[in-house]
Amino acid sequence: MDEEIVRDIVWTPRAARSYNQVIEYLQQEWSDKEVEQFITTTTLFLQKLKRYPEMCRPSGKRKHVRVGILNKHTQLIYHYKPRKHQIEILLFWGARQDPSRLRY
């Protein structure tokens, strides 16, 4: 089994807010099945990130910041801190949101 490179995954307050906003949207517009699917997808994605922290494309805006595709509607933006063996989740971003408002 592959060894985990990252010890900790830390969520910023903004990441927690944006994650909860996605879940609230899914609860309002879709069904519990989609909510569960999103939570499972996110959990599996974070587990994979612990082993392969550089698997996602670099953002191009900031050093060590990467953008991962959770599904066709949602991106996960995170900061990989190799010296601390840590990933900091910065933001969940919906594909339908205005890209000019994307700040991280």
C-alpha atoms as a PDB file:
ATOM      1  CA  MET A   1       0.000   0.000   0.000  1.00  0.00           C
ATOM      2  CA  ASP A   2       1.193   3.502  -0.797  1.00  0.00           C
ATOM      3  CA  GLU A   3       2.428   5.576   2.093  1.00  0.00           C
ATOM      4  CA  GLU A   4       0.699   8.871   2.810  1.00  0.00           C
ATOM      5  CA  ILE A   5       2.871  11.906   2.157  1.00  0.00           C
ATOM      6  CA  VAL A   6       0.536  14.403   3.828  1.00  0.00           C
ATOM      7  CA  ARG A   7      -0.096  14.152   7.571  1.00  0.00           C
ATOM      8  CA  ASP A   8      -2.797  16.805   7.950  1.00  0.00           C
ATOM      9  CA  ILE A   9      -5.584  18.292   5.891  1.00  0.00           C
ATOM     10  CA  VAL A  10      -6.671  21.662   7.270  1.00  0.00           C
ATOM     11  CA  TRP A  11      -9.775  23.520   6.148  1.00  0.00           C
ATOM     12  CA  THR A  12      -9.882  27.314   6.044  1.00  0.00           C
ATOM     13  CA  PRO A  13     -13.117  28.951   7.251  1.00  0.00           C
ATOM     14  CA  ARG A  14     -13.815  29.959   3.660  1.00  0.00           C
ATOM     15  CA  ALA A  15     -13.410  26.352   2.493  1.00  0.00           C
ATOM     16  CA  ALA A  16     -15.850  25.138   5.152  1.00  0.00           C
ATOM     17  CA  ARG A  17     -18.356  27.837   4.129  1.00  0.00           C
ATOM     18  CA  SER A  18     -18.107  27.057   0.428  1.00  0.00           C
ATOM     19  CA  TYR A  19     -18.387  23.282   1.107  1.00  0.00           C
ATOM     20  CA  ASN A  20     -21.533  23.874   3.176  1.00  0.00           C
ATOM     21  CA  GLN A  21     -22.946  26.116   0.439  1.00  0.00           C
ATOM     22  CA  VAL A  22     -22.555  23.301  -2.092  1.00  0.00           C
ATOM     23  CA  ILE A  23     -24.305  20.884   0.252  1.00  0.00           C
ATOM     24  CA  GLU A  24     -27.121  23.372   0.938  1.00  0.00           C
ATOM     25  CA  TYR A  25     -27.588  23.898  -2.799  1.00  0.00           C
ATOM     26  CA  LEU A  26     -27.754  20.146  -3.408  1.00  0.00           C
ATOM     27  CA  GLN A  27     -30.278  19.725  -0.581  1.00  0.00           C
ATOM     28  CA  GLN A  28     -32.510  22.449  -2.022  1.00  0.00           C
ATOM     29  CA  GLU A  29     -32.274  21.614  -5.712  1.00  0.00           C
ATOM     30  CA  TRP A  30     -31.523  17.897  -5.800  1.00  0.00           C
ATOM     31  CA  SER A  31     -31.976  14.846  -3.588  1.00  0.00           C
ATOM     32  CA  ASP A  32     -30.259  13.239  -0.612  1.00  0.00           C
ATOM     33  CA  LYS A  33     -28.597  10.865  -3.074  1.00  0.00           C
ATOM     34  CA  GLU A  34     -26.665  13.719  -4.684  1.00  0.00           C
ATOM     35  CA  VAL A  35     -25.701  15.118  -1.281  1.00  0.00           C
ATOM     36  CA  GLU A  36     -24.344  11.733  -0.177  1.00  0.00           C
ATOM     37  CA  GLN A  37     -22.566  11.335  -3.504  1.00  0.00           C
ATOM     38  CA  PHE A  38     -20.874  14.725  -3.148  1.00  0.00           C
ATOM     39  CA  ILE A  39     -19.757  13.989   0.429  1.00  0.00           C
ATOM     40  CA  THR A  40     -18.402  10.568  -0.600  1.00  0.00           C
ATOM     41  CA  THR A  41     -16.625  12.023  -3.646  1.00  0.00           C
ATOM     42  CA  THR A  42     -15.018  14.720  -1.496  1.00  0.00           C
ATOM     43  CA  THR A  43     -13.915  12.227   1.172  1.00  0.00           C
ATOM     44  CA  LEU A  44     -12.355   9.871  -1.385  1.00  0.00           C
ATOM     45  CA  PHE A  45     -10.679  12.785  -3.161  1.00  0.00           C
ATOM     46  CA  LEU A  46      -9.111  14.007   0.095  1.00  0.00           C
ATOM     47  CA  GLN A  47      -7.875  10.490   0.895  1.00  0.00           C
ATOM     48  CA  LYS A  48      -6.221  10.324  -2.506  1.00  0.00           C
ATOM     49  CA  LEU A  49      -4.689  13.779  -1.987  1.00  0.00           C
ATOM     50  CA  LYS A  50      -2.974  12.526   1.180  1.00  0.00           C
ATOM     51  CA  ARG A  51      -1.030  10.063  -0.985  1.00  0.00           C
ATOM     52  CA  TYR A  52      -0.635  12.170  -4.109  1.00  0.00           C
ATOM     53  CA  PRO A  53      -0.699  15.847  -3.067  1.00  0.00           C
ATOM     54  CA  GLU A  54       0.554  17.072  -6.439  1.00  0.00           C
ATOM     55  CA  MET A  55      -1.899  15.073  -8.546  1.00  0.00           C
ATOM     56  CA  CYS A  56      -3.955  18.140  -9.523  1.00  0.00           C
ATOM     57  CA  ARG A  57      -2.998  20.902 -11.905  1.00  0.00           C
ATOM     58  CA  PRO A  58      -1.099  23.922 -10.558  1.00  0.00           C
ATOM     59  CA  SER A  59      -3.220  27.053 -10.328  1.00  0.00           C
ATOM     60  CA  GLY A  60      -0.731  29.357 -12.018  1.00  0.00           C
ATOM     61  CA  LYS A  61      -1.620  32.165  -9.595  1.00  0.00           C
ATOM     62  CA  ARG A  62       0.218  31.046  -6.455  1.00  0.00           C
ATOM     63  CA  LYS A  63       3.050  28.678  -5.700  1.00  0.00           C
ATOM     64  CA  HIS A  64       1.941  25.274  -4.361  1.00  0.00           C
ATOM     65  CA  VAL A  65      -1.732  26.045  -4.975  1.00  0.00           C
ATOM     66  CA  ARG A  66      -3.532  23.415  -7.009  1.00  0.00           C
ATOM     67  CA  VAL A  67      -6.965  22.951  -8.521  1.00  0.00           C
ATOM     68  CA  GLY A  68      -8.649  19.566  -8.437  1.00  0.00           C
ATOM     69  CA  ILE A  69     -11.820  18.550 -10.235  1.00  0.00           C
ATOM     70  CA  LEU A  70     -14.267  16.873  -7.837  1.00  0.00           C
ATOM     71  CA  ASN A  71     -16.989  16.490 -10.457  1.00  0.00           C
ATOM     72  CA  LYS A  72     -18.139  18.315 -13.561  1.00  0.00           C
ATOM     73  CA  HIS A  73     -19.686  21.048 -11.416  1.00  0.00           C
ATOM     74  CA  THR A  74     -17.199  21.571  -8.566  1.00  0.00           C
ATOM     75  CA  GLN A  75     -13.497  22.302  -8.192  1.00  0.00           C
ATOM     76  CA  LEU A  76     -11.450  22.009  -5.030  1.00  0.00           C
ATOM     77  CA  ILE A  77      -8.671  24.574  -4.598  1.00  0.00           C
ATOM     78  CA  TYR A  78      -5.963  23.719  -2.109  1.00  0.00           C
ATOM     79  CA  HIS A  79      -2.505  24.781  -0.966  1.00  0.00           C
ATOM     80  CA  TYR A  80       0.064  22.016  -0.645  1.00  0.00           C
ATOM     81  CA  LYS A  81       2.687  22.752   2.019  1.00  0.00           C
ATOM     82  CA  PRO A  82       5.413  20.146   1.391  1.00  0.00           C
ATOM     83  CA  ARG A  83       7.669  21.140   4.292  1.00  0.00           C
ATOM     84  CA  LYS A  84       4.827  20.804   6.804  1.00  0.00           C
ATOM     85  CA  HIS A  85       3.428  17.698   5.062  1.00  0.00           C
ATOM     86  CA  GLN A  86       0.101  19.503   5.048  1.00  0.00           C
ATOM     87  CA  ILE A  87      -2.713  20.396   2.683  1.00  0.00           C
ATOM     88  CA  GLU A  88      -4.815  23.474   3.327  1.00  0.00           C
ATOM     89  CA  ILE A  89      -8.229  23.384   1.653  1.00  0.00           C
ATOM     90  CA  LEU A  90      -8.871  26.921   0.416  1.00  0.00           C
ATOM     91  CA  LEU A  91     -12.145  26.828  -1.473  1.00  0.00           C
ATOM     92  CA  PHE A  92     -14.801  24.786  -3.264  1.00  0.00           C
ATOM     93  CA  TRP A  93     -15.731  26.518  -6.502  1.00  0.00           C
ATOM     94  CA  GLY A  94     -18.789  25.833  -8.660  1.00  0.00           C
ATOM     95  CA  ALA A  95     -18.337  25.715 -12.418  1.00  0.00           C
ATOM     96  CA  ARG A  96     -21.326  28.012 -12.893  1.00  0.00           C
ATOM     97  CA  GLN A  97     -19.931  30.771 -10.703  1.00  0.00           C
ATOM     98  CA  ASP A  98     -18.420  33.891 -12.242  1.00  0.00           C
ATOM     99  CA  PRO A  99     -14.696  33.148 -12.768  1.00  0.00           C
ATOM    100  CA  SER A 100     -13.801  36.825 -12.378  1.00  0.00           C
ATOM    101  CA  ARG A 101     -14.893  36.543  -8.713  1.00  0.00           C
ATOM    102  CA  LEU A 102     -12.533  33.647  -8.011  1.00  0.00           C
ATOM    103  CA  ARG A 103     -10.028  34.736  -5.331  1.00  0.00           C
ATOM    104  CA  TYR A 104      -7.783  32.491  -3.269  1.00  0.00           C
END
